[in-house]
Amino acid sequence: MNTPDGHSESASSPAPDAVPPIPVFDAVVVYNPAVIPAQPGPPPAETPAETPARSGPPAEQPGPPPAAIPAQPGPPPAESVPRSIPAQWRSPLASSAPIPDDYPFPRLPQFDSIPPSWYAPPPPPPRKRRGRTAVIVLAVFAALAAATAVAVYPVLTGRDADATAAPAVTGPPASPGPSALSYERVPWIRYQIDAALQAQAAALLAGDENGFLAPVAEGGTELTRDLRRRFETLRAMQVTAWSEEMIGAPTPVTGKGGRDEWRVVVDLRHCFVVPECTVDGLRAETRWVETPAQGLRMVAFAPSEAEENGPRPWEVTNLTVSVGARTVVGVTPKYARRLPELQKQAEAAALLADRYVRGDAGPVDRYRIFMADGKEWQRWYGGEDLEWAAGFAVPTGEARLDVVLNLSEMPEDFIDDTLRHELAHVATLRGADYSDDDDSWWMIEGIADYVDELGVPVSEYDEADLVARYAGEVDMKDGVVVPPPDADTEDWQVAARYGVGYYAVRRISERFGEPAMLAFFDAVVRDGKTLKDAAPATLGKDWDDVNRDCLAYLEEVT
C-alpha cells in the first residue's frame, strides 16, 4: 500500500542491479560514463583538396564518365547487399554499420518498356502500409498541465526487403546510338548518375563542399544553395556514414519548359556521431538533364515526403546543431542563442531515459531532438495538426525515434517535462513493432509520464483535479483503459486521460514493483499480448483485479 503521500519507496525502488536514481528535476546532471560509454565524435575536417577542373563531355562511345565525376563501382545486386555500408560510402571513422535482416527497402514500379532481360523482375503487388504510433505532448497552458496524444505514422526507411534493385553496372556500358529509344539509353544514363551520386556521398564524408555540389547543373543557383545548406547541417550533425543508392532505373519524364529529364529515386542511408549505428534510410527524388558541355547534371534534389515521415529537419531547414554526450539537438535560427541551455536540459532528460531503455537494440547511441518554430512545426515529418500538441516522437527507423518540440507554443518552464516525457517514449518504444491499439494507449503515455514524474510525490501531480473531474463526468466502463484523444477532444479531457494512464502505471509499479510493471508494459505494448493474457504472466493477477485496484487508487489520490 502507498505511504501517506502516495509514494511507496520499497515498491518503486529500482532492482538491486539497476542504475541508481538520477536527480534531474532541478539541476543538470553531468554525463555518467559508467552508465553509457562515451562515443567520440569525428575529428575536425581537414582542409579539402581543391576540386579538379571539370572536363568536357565524353564522346558518345564506351568509356568512363566525365573526369569531374570519378567512376565508382555501383551497389551490388539485391541478393548480395552487404550488411554494412561499403567502404567508399563511409567516413574514415566508421568501421561497420550492420543493417538488420528485416531492414525495409521500398520498391518503386518502373516504366514498362525496359526489357525484362536487362532490368529486375516486375515489382510485387502494392504493400499494405504499416502504421506506427507517434507520441505528442500537450500543454494545457492555463493550468500548465502536461499530456500527450497518439497519431499513426508510416515507417518507410529505404527499399522493401523483398524488392530487387536494378543490376549494378561494374563498367561503362556501351554508348547508345543517336536513334536509340529511351529504354536503350537507360544503362548509359544510369552509369553516369550512379557515379555522380557515389562521388557526392564520398565528398560529404570527406568534408569537400565543392565535391558535394559538383553534380549540379550550371545555373542551378537555388539547388546549389539548398545543397550547401544540407552539407553544412549534415556536417554539423557529425555524419559518419552516408550513401546515395539508386532505387530502380532512371525514368524519362518531362520537366520545366517541356525539357527532357531523368527521374531517379535515391535511398539515403546515414548515421550520425557514432562510428557504428543501425543505418537509417529514406527515399528522395532527384532529377537530371543531359547537357552538351557536362553530360548528366542534377537539376533537383527534393526532400523526402510525408509518407517517408519527411521531410526531415536537416533536409529543409538551416539548423544550428549541438552534439552532446547523449543527444544531438538542432534548433531553427530563432532559437540559436538558447541552444546551450536547451542542450543541457536534453542531456539531463536523456540520462533519465537511459534507465528505461527496453528491448534488445542496446543503448540509444544519441537521442535526436529538433526544436521548431511555428512554421517548421507544420513542415517537419509531415507536419502536426493537433492544436493542443507541443511535441512528438516519431519513428524514423527500425530502432530510432526522433523528437520534435514546438518552442513557439511552449513556456520555458515546460521544456524539461516535455523532454523527459518524449525521450521516455524513445527509450521504451524504439526497436519494436509496438502496438498502437486503443487498449495500450494509456500505458504508452502513462509510462512516459511515470518517467517524467519519477521521484515526485503523487500528491504533486498537476492533473489530479482533471482526473477527478473525468472520473466524475465520464463513464469509465473499461476502467483505466481510456480511449486516446483526437483532434476534437477537449483540452481538459486530453490531460485527464494522460493522467489516468500515469496513475495506473504508477499504481502497478507500487503494487508489484517496477520490474514487474516494465515486464507488463513489454508484454502488452512491445509484444502485442492482450491485457488479459499479459497480467497473469507478468503480475500474477488477472487483469480485472489489476484494473479495479487502479480505479480505487485514482479515487484515493485525486
Protein backbone atom coordinates (compact mmCIF):
# COMPACT_ATOMS: atom_id res chain seq x y z
CA MET A 1 0.00 0.00 0.00
CA ASN A 2 1.24 3.52 -0.64
CA THR A 3 2.51 5.85 2.09
CA PRO A 4 0.51 8.95 3.08
CA ASP A 5 1.97 10.96 0.23
CA GLY A 6 1.04 8.24 -2.22
CA HIS A 7 4.57 7.01 -2.84
CA SER A 8 5.92 3.63 -1.82
CA GLU A 9 9.72 3.63 -1.67
CA SER A 10 10.08 -0.12 -1.39
CA ALA A 11 7.70 -0.90 -4.23
CA SER A 12 9.02 1.59 -6.74
CA SER A 13 12.74 1.38 -5.97
CA PRO A 14 14.91 0.02 -8.78
CA ALA A 15 16.01 -3.59 -8.67
CA PRO A 16 19.39 -4.16 -6.94
CA ASP A 17 21.24 -4.31 -10.24
CA ALA A 18 19.53 -1.28 -11.76
CA VAL A 19 21.22 2.09 -12.26
CA PRO A 20 20.79 4.28 -9.13
CA PRO A 21 18.20 7.07 -9.44
CA ILE A 22 19.47 10.20 -11.15
CA PRO A 23 18.14 13.56 -9.84
CA VAL A 24 17.26 15.54 -12.94
CA PHE A 25 14.41 17.74 -11.90
CA ASP A 26 16.18 20.84 -10.55
CA ALA A 27 19.73 20.54 -11.88
CA VAL A 28 21.57 19.41 -14.96
CA VAL A 29 23.25 16.06 -14.44
CA VAL A 30 26.73 15.51 -15.81
CA TYR A 31 27.02 12.57 -18.19
CA ASN A 32 27.96 9.39 -16.34
CA PRO A 33 30.35 7.29 -18.47
CA ALA A 34 29.79 4.30 -16.21
CA VAL A 35 26.21 4.08 -17.45
CA ILE A 36 26.62 4.65 -21.20
CA PRO A 37 30.14 4.62 -22.68
CA ALA A 38 31.03 7.87 -24.36
CA GLN A 39 31.18 7.82 -28.14
CA PRO A 40 33.79 10.04 -29.79
CA GLY A 41 32.63 12.41 -32.48
CA PRO A 42 34.55 12.80 -35.75
CA PRO A 43 37.68 14.94 -35.73
CA PRO A 44 37.60 18.38 -37.36
CA ALA A 45 37.56 18.10 -41.12
CA GLU A 46 40.87 18.79 -42.79
CA THR A 47 41.00 21.45 -45.45
CA PRO A 48 39.64 19.72 -48.52
CA ALA A 49 41.77 19.39 -51.54
CA GLU A 50 40.98 21.66 -54.42
CA THR A 51 38.36 20.19 -56.70
CA PRO A 52 39.77 19.18 -60.09
CA ALA A 53 38.66 21.23 -63.04
CA ARG A 54 35.76 19.78 -64.93
CA SER A 55 36.49 18.36 -68.33
CA GLY A 56 34.24 18.44 -71.33
CA PRO A 57 31.62 15.80 -72.09
CA PRO A 58 32.77 12.33 -73.08
CA ALA A 59 32.37 11.18 -76.64
CA GLU A 60 29.36 9.04 -77.36
CA GLN A 61 31.36 5.83 -77.13
CA PRO A 62 32.24 3.37 -74.40
CA GLY A 63 34.35 4.98 -71.75
CA PRO A 64 34.31 6.36 -68.23
CA PRO A 65 32.07 9.27 -67.18
CA PRO A 66 33.39 12.85 -67.06
CA ALA A 67 36.54 13.37 -65.02
CA ALA A 68 34.73 15.56 -62.50
CA ILE A 69 32.63 12.51 -61.57
CA PRO A 70 35.04 9.62 -60.96
CA ALA A 71 33.81 6.17 -61.77
CA GLN A 72 32.70 4.22 -58.73
CA PRO A 73 31.58 0.61 -58.53
CA GLY A 74 27.81 0.51 -58.33
CA PRO A 75 25.92 -1.06 -55.45
CA PRO A 76 25.73 -4.85 -55.53
CA PRO A 77 22.61 -6.70 -56.64
CA ALA A 78 19.90 -7.14 -54.02
CA GLU A 79 20.77 -10.76 -53.35
CA SER A 80 24.26 -9.76 -52.21
CA VAL A 81 23.58 -6.47 -50.43
CA PRO A 82 26.36 -6.09 -47.85
CA ARG A 83 25.45 -5.99 -44.17
CA SER A 84 27.39 -2.77 -43.78
CA ILE A 85 27.91 0.32 -45.89
CA PRO A 86 30.68 -0.25 -48.46
CA ALA A 87 34.00 1.39 -47.63
CA GLN A 88 33.76 4.04 -50.32
CA TRP A 89 30.48 5.28 -48.81
CA ARG A 90 31.73 5.54 -45.24
CA SER A 91 33.56 8.07 -43.16
CA PRO A 92 37.10 7.16 -42.08
CA LEU A 93 35.64 6.99 -38.55
CA ALA A 94 33.16 4.30 -39.44
CA SER A 95 34.11 0.65 -39.32
CA SER A 96 30.95 -1.37 -39.82
CA ALA A 97 27.29 -0.45 -39.68
CA PRO A 98 25.23 -3.63 -39.66
CA ILE A 99 21.93 -3.49 -41.47
CA PRO A 100 19.16 -5.56 -39.86
CA ASP A 101 17.93 -8.56 -41.83
CA ASP A 102 14.44 -7.07 -41.89
CA TYR A 103 15.59 -3.59 -42.97
CA PRO A 104 12.75 -2.40 -45.25
CA PHE A 105 13.67 -1.30 -48.76
CA PRO A 106 10.76 0.41 -50.59
CA ARG A 107 10.18 -0.85 -54.11
CA LEU A 108 9.11 1.52 -56.86
CA PRO A 109 7.36 0.41 -60.08
CA GLN A 110 9.31 1.06 -63.28
CA PHE A 111 8.15 2.04 -66.72
CA ASP A 112 7.12 -0.90 -68.86
CA SER A 113 9.47 -0.50 -71.82
CA ILE A 114 12.64 -1.82 -70.14
CA PRO A 115 13.39 -5.31 -71.44
CA PRO A 116 12.96 -7.93 -68.67
CA SER A 117 16.29 -9.46 -69.68
CA TRP A 118 18.11 -6.29 -68.59
CA TYR A 119 16.05 -5.00 -65.69
CA ALA A 120 14.88 -6.55 -62.45
CA PRO A 121 11.73 -8.70 -62.07
CA PRO A 122 8.39 -6.88 -62.02
CA PRO A 123 7.50 -5.20 -58.72
CA PRO A 124 5.42 -7.07 -56.14
CA PRO A 125 1.76 -6.12 -55.54
CA PRO A 126 1.29 -2.86 -53.61
CA ARG A 127 2.15 -3.42 -49.99
CA LYS A 128 -0.07 -2.58 -47.08
CA ARG A 129 1.36 0.43 -45.31
CA ARG A 130 2.43 -0.40 -41.78
CA GLY A 131 1.42 2.17 -39.25
CA ARG A 132 3.49 3.33 -36.31
CA THR A 133 2.50 5.30 -33.27
CA ALA A 134 3.86 8.80 -32.89
CA VAL A 135 3.59 10.37 -29.50
CA ILE A 136 2.72 14.00 -28.97
CA VAL A 137 2.92 16.03 -25.80
CA LEU A 138 0.19 18.51 -24.86
CA ALA A 139 0.49 21.76 -22.95
CA VAL A 140 -2.74 22.98 -21.35
CA PHE A 141 -1.11 26.26 -20.58
CA ALA A 142 -3.83 27.76 -18.43
CA ALA A 143 -3.05 25.14 -15.79
CA LEU A 144 0.43 24.19 -17.07
CA ALA A 145 -0.84 20.63 -17.43
CA ALA A 146 1.06 18.05 -19.48
CA ALA A 147 -0.38 15.30 -21.63
CA THR A 148 0.16 13.56 -24.97
CA ALA A 149 -1.75 12.23 -27.94
CA VAL A 150 -1.35 9.38 -30.38
CA ALA A 151 -1.19 9.58 -34.15
CA VAL A 152 -0.23 6.92 -36.68
CA TYR A 153 2.77 7.44 -38.92
CA PRO A 154 4.21 5.08 -41.53
CA VAL A 155 7.80 3.98 -41.25
CA LEU A 156 9.49 3.72 -44.63
CA THR A 157 13.23 3.51 -44.28
CA GLY A 158 14.63 2.59 -47.66
CA ARG A 159 13.69 -0.16 -50.06
CA ASP A 160 11.33 -3.05 -49.35
CA ALA A 161 13.09 -6.12 -48.03
CA ASP A 162 11.76 -8.19 -50.94
CA ALA A 163 12.50 -5.63 -53.63
CA THR A 164 15.21 -6.07 -56.23
CA ALA A 165 17.40 -3.12 -57.18
CA ALA A 166 18.44 -2.52 -60.74
CA PRO A 167 21.59 -4.53 -61.50
CA ALA A 168 24.78 -2.68 -60.65
CA VAL A 169 26.89 -1.61 -63.58
CA THR A 170 30.52 -2.53 -62.95
CA GLY A 171 31.93 -0.91 -66.07
CA PRO A 172 30.90 1.66 -68.67
CA PRO A 173 28.01 0.28 -70.75
CA ALA A 174 28.04 0.62 -74.49
CA SER A 175 27.04 4.04 -75.74
CA PRO A 176 23.60 4.10 -77.38
CA GLY A 177 23.37 5.34 -80.94
CA PRO A 178 21.77 8.66 -81.85
CA SER A 179 18.48 6.96 -82.76
CA ALA A 180 18.27 4.79 -79.64
CA LEU A 181 14.98 4.62 -77.77
CA SER A 182 14.70 5.78 -74.15
CA TYR A 183 14.94 2.31 -72.62
CA GLU A 184 18.02 1.56 -74.71
CA ARG A 185 19.71 4.63 -73.22
CA VAL A 186 18.96 3.63 -69.60
CA PRO A 187 22.18 1.66 -68.88
CA TRP A 188 24.33 4.53 -70.15
CA ILE A 189 22.34 7.15 -68.22
CA ARG A 190 22.26 5.05 -65.06
CA TYR A 191 26.02 4.55 -65.07
CA GLN A 192 26.73 8.27 -65.17
CA ILE A 193 24.16 9.19 -62.50
CA ASP A 194 25.28 6.36 -60.21
CA ALA A 195 28.89 7.55 -60.42
CA ALA A 196 27.82 11.13 -59.66
CA LEU A 197 25.81 10.06 -56.60
CA GLN A 198 28.62 7.97 -55.19
CA ALA A 199 31.12 10.78 -55.69
CA GLN A 200 28.74 13.21 -53.99
CA ALA A 201 28.36 10.89 -50.97
CA ALA A 202 32.13 10.50 -50.68
CA ALA A 203 32.57 14.28 -50.82
CA LEU A 204 30.16 14.78 -47.91
CA LEU A 205 32.08 12.35 -45.71
CA ALA A 206 35.37 13.95 -46.69
CA GLY A 207 34.14 17.47 -45.89
CA ASP A 208 34.55 18.52 -49.53
CA GLU A 209 31.77 21.03 -50.17
CA ASN A 210 32.81 21.70 -53.77
CA GLY A 211 32.70 17.99 -54.49
CA PHE A 212 29.25 17.70 -52.91
CA LEU A 213 27.98 20.48 -55.19
CA ALA A 214 29.79 19.23 -58.31
CA PRO A 215 26.83 17.30 -59.87
CA VAL A 216 24.61 20.43 -60.01
CA ALA A 217 23.83 21.71 -63.49
CA GLU A 218 25.25 25.08 -64.49
CA GLY A 219 22.87 27.85 -63.50
CA GLY A 220 21.27 25.82 -60.71
CA THR A 221 21.63 28.59 -58.15
CA GLU A 222 18.68 27.55 -55.99
CA LEU A 223 19.71 23.90 -55.92
CA THR A 224 23.30 24.86 -55.11
CA ARG A 225 22.09 26.98 -52.20
CA ASP A 226 19.89 24.13 -50.92
CA LEU A 227 22.65 21.52 -51.15
CA ARG A 228 25.17 23.83 -49.48
CA ARG A 229 22.77 24.23 -46.55
CA ARG A 230 22.30 20.45 -46.35
CA PHE A 231 26.05 19.93 -46.46
CA GLU A 232 26.66 22.34 -43.59
CA THR A 233 23.85 20.88 -41.46
CA LEU A 234 24.88 17.27 -42.02
CA ARG A 235 28.49 18.07 -41.18
CA ALA A 236 27.34 19.86 -38.02
CA MET A 237 25.37 16.75 -37.05
CA GLN A 238 28.66 14.81 -37.42
CA VAL A 239 27.59 12.47 -40.20
CA THR A 240 29.68 9.29 -40.01
CA ALA A 241 28.09 7.17 -42.76
CA TRP A 242 26.29 8.31 -45.87
CA SER A 243 25.36 6.64 -49.14
CA GLU A 244 23.16 7.64 -52.05
CA GLU A 245 21.93 4.47 -53.70
CA MET A 246 19.69 4.50 -56.76
CA ILE A 247 16.40 2.64 -56.45
CA GLY A 248 15.48 1.07 -59.75
CA ALA A 249 16.30 2.65 -63.08
CA PRO A 250 16.20 6.26 -64.28
CA THR A 251 12.79 7.16 -65.69
CA PRO A 252 12.39 9.63 -68.58
CA VAL A 253 10.00 12.46 -67.65
CA THR A 254 9.08 15.91 -68.91
CA GLY A 255 10.44 18.74 -66.78
CA LYS A 256 10.28 22.52 -66.71
CA GLY A 257 9.52 24.13 -70.04
CA GLY A 258 8.94 20.74 -71.60
CA ARG A 259 12.59 19.72 -71.38
CA ASP A 260 13.59 16.07 -71.18
CA GLU A 261 14.67 14.97 -67.71
CA TRP A 262 15.54 11.74 -65.95
CA ARG A 263 13.83 10.97 -62.65
CA VAL A 264 15.91 8.97 -60.15
CA VAL A 265 14.77 7.95 -56.68
CA VAL A 266 17.63 7.69 -54.19
CA ASP A 267 17.87 5.76 -50.94
CA LEU A 268 19.79 7.89 -48.44
CA ARG A 269 21.41 5.71 -45.79
CA HIS A 270 23.01 7.58 -42.93
CA CYS A 271 24.48 7.55 -39.43
CA PHE A 272 25.36 10.45 -37.16
CA VAL A 273 28.02 10.93 -34.46
CA VAL A 274 28.90 7.31 -33.68
CA PRO A 275 31.17 5.24 -35.94
CA GLU A 276 28.69 2.37 -35.93
CA CYS A 277 24.91 2.52 -35.79
CA THR A 278 21.84 0.87 -37.23
CA VAL A 279 21.71 2.67 -40.56
CA ASP A 280 18.69 4.89 -41.17
CA GLY A 281 17.36 5.34 -44.67
CA LEU A 282 14.77 7.31 -46.57
CA ARG A 283 13.81 7.94 -50.17
CA ALA A 284 14.18 11.21 -52.05
CA GLU A 285 13.64 12.11 -55.69
CA THR A 286 16.31 13.64 -57.90
CA ARG A 287 16.06 14.99 -61.47
CA TRP A 288 18.80 15.05 -64.08
CA VAL A 289 19.32 16.57 -67.54
CA GLU A 290 21.75 15.80 -70.33
CA THR A 291 23.88 18.85 -71.13
CA PRO A 292 26.08 19.35 -74.20
CA ALA A 293 29.07 20.54 -72.18
CA GLN A 294 28.93 18.49 -68.96
CA GLY A 295 26.89 15.37 -69.65
CA LEU A 296 24.37 14.31 -66.96
CA ARG A 297 23.79 17.03 -64.39
CA MET A 298 21.44 17.32 -61.41
CA VAL A 299 18.63 19.88 -61.56
CA ALA A 300 16.60 18.84 -58.49
CA PHE A 301 17.14 17.02 -55.18
CA ALA A 302 13.76 17.02 -53.47
CA PRO A 303 13.30 16.42 -49.74
CA SER A 304 11.58 13.25 -48.60
CA GLU A 305 7.80 13.36 -48.44
CA ALA A 306 5.22 12.73 -45.72
CA GLU A 307 4.86 9.02 -46.49
CA GLU A 308 8.53 8.71 -45.54
CA ASN A 309 7.89 10.66 -42.33
CA GLY A 310 9.52 13.56 -44.08
CA PRO A 311 10.83 16.00 -44.71
CA ARG A 312 13.48 15.56 -42.05
CA PRO A 313 14.66 18.81 -40.44
CA TRP A 314 18.16 18.57 -41.90
CA GLU A 315 16.68 18.34 -45.42
CA VAL A 316 14.79 21.64 -45.37
CA THR A 317 15.98 23.88 -42.52
CA ASN A 318 19.13 25.83 -41.73
CA LEU A 319 19.68 24.23 -38.31
CA THR A 320 22.02 25.26 -35.54
CA VAL A 321 23.26 21.98 -34.07
CA SER A 322 24.95 20.92 -30.85
CA VAL A 323 26.20 17.38 -30.22
CA GLY A 324 26.42 16.29 -26.60
CA ALA A 325 27.35 13.12 -24.76
CA ARG A 326 23.84 11.67 -25.17
CA THR A 327 21.99 13.96 -27.57
CA VAL A 328 22.04 15.72 -30.89
CA VAL A 329 19.97 18.90 -30.63
CA GLY A 330 19.07 21.01 -33.66
CA VAL A 331 17.15 24.29 -33.49
CA THR A 332 15.86 26.78 -36.02
CA PRO A 333 17.72 30.12 -36.25
CA LYS A 334 15.14 31.76 -34.00
CA TYR A 335 16.36 29.70 -31.02
CA ALA A 336 20.09 29.51 -31.78
CA ARG A 337 21.05 31.67 -28.78
CA ARG A 338 19.15 29.36 -26.44
CA LEU A 339 20.84 26.22 -27.73
CA PRO A 340 23.43 25.77 -24.93
CA GLU A 341 20.76 25.72 -22.22
CA LEU A 342 18.41 23.57 -24.31
CA GLN A 343 21.23 21.06 -24.81
CA LYS A 344 21.80 20.85 -21.04
CA GLN A 345 18.12 20.15 -20.49
CA ALA A 346 18.15 17.49 -23.20
CA GLU A 347 21.23 15.79 -21.74
CA ALA A 348 19.59 15.57 -18.31
CA ALA A 349 16.42 14.08 -19.80
CA ALA A 350 18.47 11.58 -21.81
CA LEU A 351 20.26 10.27 -18.74
CA LEU A 352 16.92 9.59 -17.10
CA ALA A 353 15.52 7.95 -20.23
CA ASP A 354 18.61 5.70 -20.46
CA ARG A 355 17.42 3.89 -17.34
CA TYR A 356 14.24 2.75 -19.14
CA VAL A 357 15.58 1.53 -22.49
CA ARG A 358 13.55 -1.53 -23.46
CA GLY A 359 14.21 -4.32 -25.95
CA ASP A 360 17.45 -5.77 -27.22
CA ALA A 361 18.54 -2.93 -29.53
CA GLY A 362 21.11 -1.79 -26.97
CA PRO A 363 21.71 1.75 -25.68
CA VAL A 364 20.43 4.70 -27.67
CA ASP A 365 23.53 6.00 -29.46
CA ARG A 366 22.22 9.57 -29.43
CA TYR A 367 18.76 10.96 -28.82
CA ARG A 368 17.96 13.21 -31.80
CA ILE A 369 15.92 16.24 -30.78
CA PHE A 370 14.76 19.04 -33.05
CA MET A 371 13.16 22.23 -31.78
CA ALA A 372 10.86 24.06 -34.15
CA ASP A 373 9.21 27.40 -34.50
CA GLY A 374 5.61 27.55 -35.69
CA LYS A 375 6.48 27.33 -39.39
CA GLU A 376 8.75 24.32 -39.15
CA TRP A 377 6.33 22.61 -36.74
CA GLN A 378 3.86 22.46 -39.63
CA ARG A 379 6.55 21.27 -42.04
CA TRP A 380 8.83 18.68 -40.44
CA TYR A 381 7.85 14.99 -40.52
CA GLY A 382 4.67 15.75 -42.45
CA GLY A 383 3.53 18.48 -40.07
CA GLU A 384 1.33 18.23 -36.99
CA ASP A 385 -2.27 19.44 -36.99
CA LEU A 386 -3.35 18.79 -33.40
CA GLU A 387 -3.83 22.24 -31.90
CA TRP A 388 -3.09 21.08 -28.37
CA ALA A 389 0.17 19.32 -29.24
CA ALA A 390 3.50 20.86 -28.28
CA GLY A 391 5.86 17.99 -29.09
CA PHE A 392 6.03 14.47 -30.50
CA ALA A 393 8.25 11.45 -31.00
CA VAL A 394 8.11 9.92 -34.46
CA PRO A 395 9.65 6.69 -35.79
CA THR A 396 12.36 7.23 -38.41
CA GLY A 397 13.86 3.73 -38.49
CA GLU A 398 13.54 0.25 -37.07
CA ALA A 399 15.40 1.28 -33.90
CA ARG A 400 15.01 5.04 -33.79
CA LEU A 401 12.52 7.76 -32.96
CA ASP A 402 13.20 11.45 -33.45
CA VAL A 403 11.77 14.02 -31.03
CA VAL A 404 10.33 17.39 -32.04
CA LEU A 405 9.32 20.24 -29.73
CA ASN A 406 7.29 23.27 -30.77
CA LEU A 407 9.04 26.03 -28.83
CA SER A 408 6.77 28.73 -30.25
CA GLU A 409 3.89 27.28 -28.20
CA MET A 410 5.75 26.21 -25.06
CA PRO A 411 6.60 28.09 -21.85
CA GLU A 412 10.26 27.79 -20.92
CA ASP A 413 9.47 26.07 -17.62
CA PHE A 414 7.60 23.35 -19.51
CA ILE A 415 10.57 22.23 -21.64
CA ASP A 416 12.11 19.91 -19.02
CA ASP A 417 8.84 18.00 -18.57
CA THR A 418 8.34 17.67 -22.31
CA LEU A 419 11.86 16.41 -22.90
CA ARG A 420 11.64 13.81 -20.13
CA HIS A 421 8.28 12.61 -21.42
CA GLU A 422 9.29 12.38 -25.08
CA LEU A 423 12.71 10.81 -24.50
CA ALA A 424 10.97 8.22 -22.34
CA HIS A 425 8.97 7.31 -25.45
CA VAL A 426 12.19 6.89 -27.43
CA ALA A 427 13.65 4.61 -24.75
CA THR A 428 10.55 2.44 -24.29
CA LEU A 429 9.30 2.18 -27.88
CA ARG A 430 12.37 2.01 -30.11
CA GLY A 431 13.27 -1.23 -31.82
CA ALA A 432 9.78 -2.70 -31.60
CA ASP A 433 6.78 -3.03 -33.87
CA TYR A 434 4.77 -1.78 -30.94
CA SER A 435 1.03 -1.96 -30.75
CA ASP A 436 -1.00 1.17 -31.49
CA ASP A 437 -4.18 -0.49 -30.29
CA ASP A 438 -6.50 1.66 -28.21
CA ASP A 439 -6.17 -0.82 -25.35
CA SER A 440 -2.48 0.03 -24.90
CA TRP A 441 -2.54 3.80 -25.45
CA TRP A 442 -3.00 4.56 -21.74
CA MET A 443 0.12 2.51 -20.97
CA ILE A 444 2.30 4.12 -23.67
CA GLU A 445 1.50 7.57 -22.34
CA GLY A 446 1.33 6.50 -18.71
CA ILE A 447 4.89 5.18 -18.65
CA ALA A 448 6.19 8.40 -20.26
CA ASP A 449 4.54 10.48 -17.53
CA TYR A 450 5.77 7.96 -14.94
CA VAL A 451 9.37 8.59 -16.07
CA ASP A 452 8.78 12.35 -16.17
CA GLU A 453 7.37 12.33 -12.61
CA LEU A 454 9.94 9.94 -11.15
CA GLY A 455 10.77 10.99 -7.59
CA VAL A 456 7.86 13.44 -7.36
CA PRO A 457 5.20 12.71 -4.68
CA VAL A 458 1.92 11.58 -6.18
CA SER A 459 0.17 14.46 -4.40
CA GLU A 460 2.06 16.94 -6.61
CA TYR A 461 0.84 15.59 -9.96
CA ASP A 462 -0.66 18.56 -11.83
CA GLU A 463 -3.58 16.76 -13.45
CA ALA A 464 -5.15 15.38 -10.25
CA ASP A 465 -8.16 17.72 -10.41
CA LEU A 466 -8.74 16.97 -14.08
CA VAL A 467 -8.57 13.21 -13.48
CA ALA A 468 -11.09 13.54 -10.64
CA ARG A 469 -13.40 15.54 -12.92
CA TYR A 470 -13.04 12.95 -15.66
CA ALA A 471 -13.88 10.12 -13.30
CA GLY A 472 -16.95 12.03 -12.13
CA GLU A 473 -18.28 13.06 -15.54
CA VAL A 474 -17.25 10.26 -17.92
CA ASP A 475 -18.40 6.65 -17.85
CA MET A 476 -15.18 4.70 -17.25
CA LYS A 477 -16.76 1.39 -18.17
CA ASP A 478 -13.39 -0.01 -19.25
CA GLY A 479 -11.61 1.23 -16.15
CA VAL A 480 -8.21 2.75 -16.81
CA VAL A 481 -8.30 1.70 -20.46
CA VAL A 482 -9.32 5.17 -21.62
CA PRO A 483 -9.52 5.95 -25.35
CA PRO A 484 -6.80 8.04 -27.00
CA PRO A 485 -7.86 11.64 -27.68
CA ASP A 486 -8.28 13.03 -31.15
CA ALA A 487 -8.23 16.49 -32.68
CA ASP A 488 -11.72 17.28 -31.34
CA THR A 489 -11.17 16.14 -27.75
CA GLU A 490 -11.45 18.96 -25.24
CA ASP A 491 -8.15 20.02 -23.72
CA TRP A 492 -9.11 19.13 -20.16
CA GLN A 493 -10.14 15.64 -21.23
CA VAL A 494 -6.88 15.13 -23.09
CA ALA A 495 -4.87 15.97 -19.98
CA ALA A 496 -7.18 13.86 -17.81
CA ARG A 497 -6.74 10.76 -19.96
CA TYR A 498 -2.98 11.09 -19.74
CA GLY A 499 -3.38 11.45 -16.01
CA VAL A 500 -5.38 8.22 -15.84
CA GLY A 501 -2.54 6.44 -17.64
CA TYR A 502 0.04 7.91 -15.28
CA TYR A 503 -1.82 6.92 -12.13
CA ALA A 504 -2.44 3.40 -13.42
CA VAL A 505 1.21 2.80 -14.35
CA ARG A 506 2.37 4.25 -11.06
CA ARG A 507 -0.03 2.08 -9.08
CA ILE A 508 1.07 -1.07 -10.90
CA SER A 509 4.69 -0.19 -10.15
CA GLU A 510 3.94 0.47 -6.47
CA ARG A 511 1.89 -2.68 -6.02
CA PHE A 512 4.01 -5.15 -7.98
CA GLY A 513 7.39 -3.42 -8.26
CA GLU A 514 8.93 -1.54 -11.17
CA PRO A 515 10.49 -4.61 -12.86
CA ALA A 516 7.09 -6.34 -12.99
CA MET A 517 5.44 -3.17 -14.32
CA LEU A 518 8.05 -2.94 -17.08
CA ALA A 519 7.58 -6.61 -17.95
CA PHE A 520 3.82 -5.99 -18.18
CA PHE A 521 4.48 -2.98 -20.46
CA ASP A 522 6.75 -5.04 -22.71
CA ALA A 523 4.22 -7.86 -22.96
CA VAL A 524 1.35 -5.57 -23.98
CA VAL A 525 2.99 -2.75 -25.95
CA ARG A 526 6.07 -4.36 -27.44
CA ASP A 527 4.93 -7.99 -27.77
CA GLY A 528 1.28 -7.30 -28.61
CA LYS A 529 -0.32 -9.51 -25.95
CA THR A 530 -3.75 -8.69 -24.60
CA LEU A 531 -4.16 -7.21 -21.14
CA LYS A 532 -5.94 -10.36 -20.01
CA ASP A 533 -3.07 -12.59 -21.17
CA ALA A 534 -0.23 -10.35 -20.03
CA ALA A 535 -1.39 -9.56 -16.49
CA PRO A 536 -1.28 -13.10 -15.02
CA ALA A 537 2.03 -13.87 -16.74
CA THR A 538 3.85 -10.73 -15.51
CA LEU A 539 1.92 -9.52 -12.45
CA GLY A 540 0.49 -12.77 -11.09
CA LYS A 541 -3.05 -11.32 -11.04
CA ASP A 542 -5.81 -11.31 -13.62
CA TRP A 543 -6.45 -8.05 -15.45
CA ASP A 544 -9.86 -7.42 -13.86
CA ASP A 545 -8.23 -7.42 -10.42
CA VAL A 546 -5.46 -5.06 -11.56
CA ASN A 547 -7.95 -2.74 -13.28
CA ARG A 548 -10.24 -2.50 -10.23
CA ASP A 549 -7.28 -1.78 -7.98
CA CYS A 550 -6.05 1.02 -10.28
CA LEU A 551 -9.52 2.63 -10.28
CA ALA A 552 -9.61 2.53 -6.50
CA TYR A 553 -6.18 4.17 -6.45
CA LEU A 554 -7.48 7.00 -8.68
CA GLU A 555 -10.27 7.72 -6.23
CA GLU A 556 -7.84 7.69 -3.32
CA VAL A 557 -5.24 10.10 -4.72
CA THR A 558 -7.40 12.60 -6.65
